C-alpha atoms as a PDB file:
ATOM      1  CA  MET A   1      47.379  -3.178  47.244  1.00  0.00           C
ATOM      2  CA  LYS A   2      48.952   0.212  46.656  1.00  0.00           C
ATOM      3  CA  GLN A   3      48.717   2.844  49.354  1.00  0.00           C
ATOM      4  CA  LYS A   4      47.084   6.179  48.440  1.00  0.00           C
ATOM      5  CA  LEU A   5      47.476   9.478  50.283  1.00  0.00           C
ATOM      6  CA  ILE A   6      46.338  13.081  49.797  1.00  0.00           C
ATOM      7  CA  GLY A   7      48.724  15.948  50.459  1.00  0.00           C
ATOM      8  CA  GLU A   8      49.875  19.439  49.544  1.00  0.00           C
ATOM      9  CA  ILE A   9      52.833  20.238  47.290  1.00  0.00           C
ATOM     10  CA  THR A  10      55.304  22.261  49.353  1.00  0.00           C
ATOM     11  CA  THR A  11      58.399  22.354  47.131  1.00  0.00           C
ATOM     12  CA  ILE A  12      59.056  21.872  43.429  1.00  0.00           C
ATOM     13  CA  ILE A  13      62.543  20.375  43.374  1.00  0.00           C
ATOM     14  CA  ASP A  14      62.895  19.514  39.695  1.00  0.00           C
ATOM     15  CA  VAL A  15      60.773  19.003  36.582  1.00  0.00           C
ATOM     16  CA  GLN A  16      60.124  15.412  37.653  1.00  0.00           C
ATOM     17  CA  THR A  17      60.248  15.694  41.463  1.00  0.00           C
ATOM     18  CA  VAL A  18      58.121  17.505  44.047  1.00  0.00           C
ATOM     19  CA  LYS A  19      57.893  17.350  47.828  1.00  0.00           C
ATOM     20  CA  VAL A  20      54.404  16.593  49.188  1.00  0.00           C
ATOM     21  CA  LYS A  21      53.358  17.145  52.823  1.00  0.00           C
ATOM     22  CA  VAL A  22      50.722  14.701  54.127  1.00  0.00           C
ATOM     23  CA  GLU A  23      48.975  15.636  57.388  1.00  0.00           C
ATOM     24  CA  THR A  24      47.234  13.256  59.778  1.00  0.00           C
ATOM     25  CA  ILE A  25      45.354  13.855  63.008  1.00  0.00           C
ATOM     26  CA  LYS A  26      46.346  11.608  65.900  1.00  0.00           C
ATOM     27  CA  ILE A  27      44.787  11.159  69.334  1.00  0.00           C
ATOM     28  CA  HIS A  28      46.902  10.892  72.460  1.00  0.00           C
ATOM     29  CA  PRO A  29      46.210   7.494  74.091  1.00  0.00           C
ATOM     30  CA  LEU A  30      45.943   8.800  77.659  1.00  0.00           C
ATOM     31  CA  TYR A  31      44.727  12.397  77.404  1.00  0.00           C
ATOM     32  CA  LYS A  32      42.600  11.965  74.234  1.00  0.00           C
ATOM     33  CA  LYS A  33      43.804  15.289  72.862  1.00  0.00           C
ATOM     34  CA  ARG A  34      43.935  15.571  69.080  1.00  0.00           C
ATOM     35  CA  TYR A  35      47.093  16.839  67.418  1.00  0.00           C
ATOM     36  CA  LYS A  36      48.340  17.156  63.856  1.00  0.00           C
ATOM     37  CA  SER A  37      51.413  15.415  62.563  1.00  0.00           C
ATOM     38  CA  HIS A  38      52.856  15.475  59.067  1.00  0.00           C
ATOM     39  CA  LYS A  39      55.299  13.619  56.874  1.00  0.00           C
ATOM     40  CA  ASN A  40      57.049  14.730  53.685  1.00  0.00           C
ATOM     41  CA  TYR A  41      57.332  12.482  50.629  1.00  0.00           C
ATOM     42  CA  LEU A  42      59.388  12.913  47.459  1.00  0.00           C
ATOM     43  CA  VAL A  43      57.013  12.256  44.566  1.00  0.00           C
ATOM     44  CA  ASP A  44      57.489  11.678  40.827  1.00  0.00           C
ATOM     45  CA  THR A  45      55.332  13.971  38.655  1.00  0.00           C
ATOM     46  CA  ASN A  46      55.198  11.749  35.522  1.00  0.00           C
ATOM     47  CA  GLY A  47      55.639  14.883  33.382  1.00  0.00           C
ATOM     48  CA  LYS A  48      52.437  16.509  34.714  1.00  0.00           C
ATOM     49  CA  ASN A  49      52.268  20.258  35.257  1.00  0.00           C
ATOM     50  CA  VAL A  50      52.038  20.922  38.984  1.00  0.00           C
ATOM     51  CA  GLU A  51      51.828  24.094  41.048  1.00  0.00           C
ATOM     52  CA  LYS A  52      53.032  24.883  44.529  1.00  0.00           C
ATOM     53  CA  HIS A  53      50.341  24.566  47.271  1.00  0.00           C
ATOM     54  CA  ALA A  54      48.146  22.352  45.066  1.00  0.00           C
ATOM     55  CA  MET A  55      46.429  19.336  46.624  1.00  0.00           C
ATOM     56  CA  VAL A  56      47.375  16.040  44.956  1.00  0.00           C
ATOM     57  CA  GLU A  57      46.626  12.368  45.401  1.00  0.00           C
ATOM     58  CA  ILE A  58      49.741  10.181  45.485  1.00  0.00           C
ATOM     59  CA  GLU A  59      50.186   6.425  45.188  1.00  0.00           C
ATOM     60  CA  SER A  60      53.030   4.137  46.228  1.00  0.00           C
ATOM     61  CA  THR A  61      55.030   2.582  43.416  1.00  0.00           C
ATOM     62  CA  ARG A  62      58.286   0.756  42.812  1.00  0.00           C
ATOM     63  CA  PRO A  63      61.406   2.700  43.846  1.00  0.00           C
ATOM     64  CA  ILE A  64      62.193   5.298  41.176  1.00  0.00           C
ATOM     65  CA  SER A  65      65.322   6.580  42.926  1.00  0.00           C
ATOM     66  CA  LYS A  66      66.887   6.385  46.381  1.00  0.00           C
ATOM     67  CA  ASN A  67      64.135   8.455  48.035  1.00  0.00           C
ATOM     68  CA  LYS A  68      61.320   8.565  45.434  1.00  0.00           C
ATOM     69  CA  LYS A  69      58.789   5.775  45.919  1.00  0.00           C
ATOM     70  CA  TRP A  70      55.550   7.666  45.154  1.00  0.00           C
ATOM     71  CA  LYS A  71      53.870   9.071  42.035  1.00  0.00           C
ATOM     72  CA  ILE A  72      51.097  11.604  41.446  1.00  0.00           C
ATOM     73  CA  ILE A  73      47.738  10.135  40.390  1.00  0.00           C
ATOM     74  CA  SER A  74      45.536  13.216  40.231  1.00  0.00           C
ATOM     75  CA  LYS A  75      45.425  16.883  41.140  1.00  0.00           C
ATOM     76  CA  ASN A  76      42.643  18.238  43.360  1.00  0.00           C
ATOM     77  CA  LYS A  77      41.515  21.862  43.207  1.00  0.00           C
ATOM     78  CA  SER A  78      40.471  22.312  46.844  1.00  0.00           C
ATOM     79  CA  ILE A  79      42.895  23.476  49.525  1.00  0.00           C
ATOM     80  CA  SER A  80      41.228  21.651  52.426  1.00  0.00           C
ATOM     81  CA  ASN A  81      41.989  17.976  52.966  1.00  0.00           C
ATOM     82  CA  PRO A  82      38.680  16.046  53.149  1.00  0.00           C
ATOM     83  CA  ASN A  83      40.336  12.663  53.673  1.00  0.00           C
ATOM     84  CA  LEU A  84      42.242  13.638  56.810  1.00  0.00           C
ATOM     85  CA  LYS A  85      42.103  10.457  58.874  1.00  0.00           C
ATOM     86  CA  ILE A  86      42.210  10.254  62.647  1.00  0.00           C
ATOM     87  CA  GLN A  87      44.735   7.732  63.929  1.00  0.00           C
ATOM     88  CA  ILE A  88      44.843   6.470  67.493  1.00  0.00           C
ATOM     89  CA  SER A  89      48.438   6.110  68.639  1.00  0.00           C
ATOM     90  CA  LYS A  90      49.205   3.204  70.946  1.00  0.00           C
END
């Protein structure tokens, strides 16, 4: 099954490549404090028109290049991330 994530476009590198920042909320195992962490992914645009700071849904795919292993499925209009998941770190 392919993994799907929601993130914000931070950089438009090329016509076919953008950098997407995906944020998650984690909980410290001992102190139970919540904190945000993020990871950047290089994503293939499939020729779609994208804008900086737009929310997009990305899906894992076969390796397109050395670092690109994700593609854009759909663009979301809202800025907030409704699918921000809480992960408990061990």
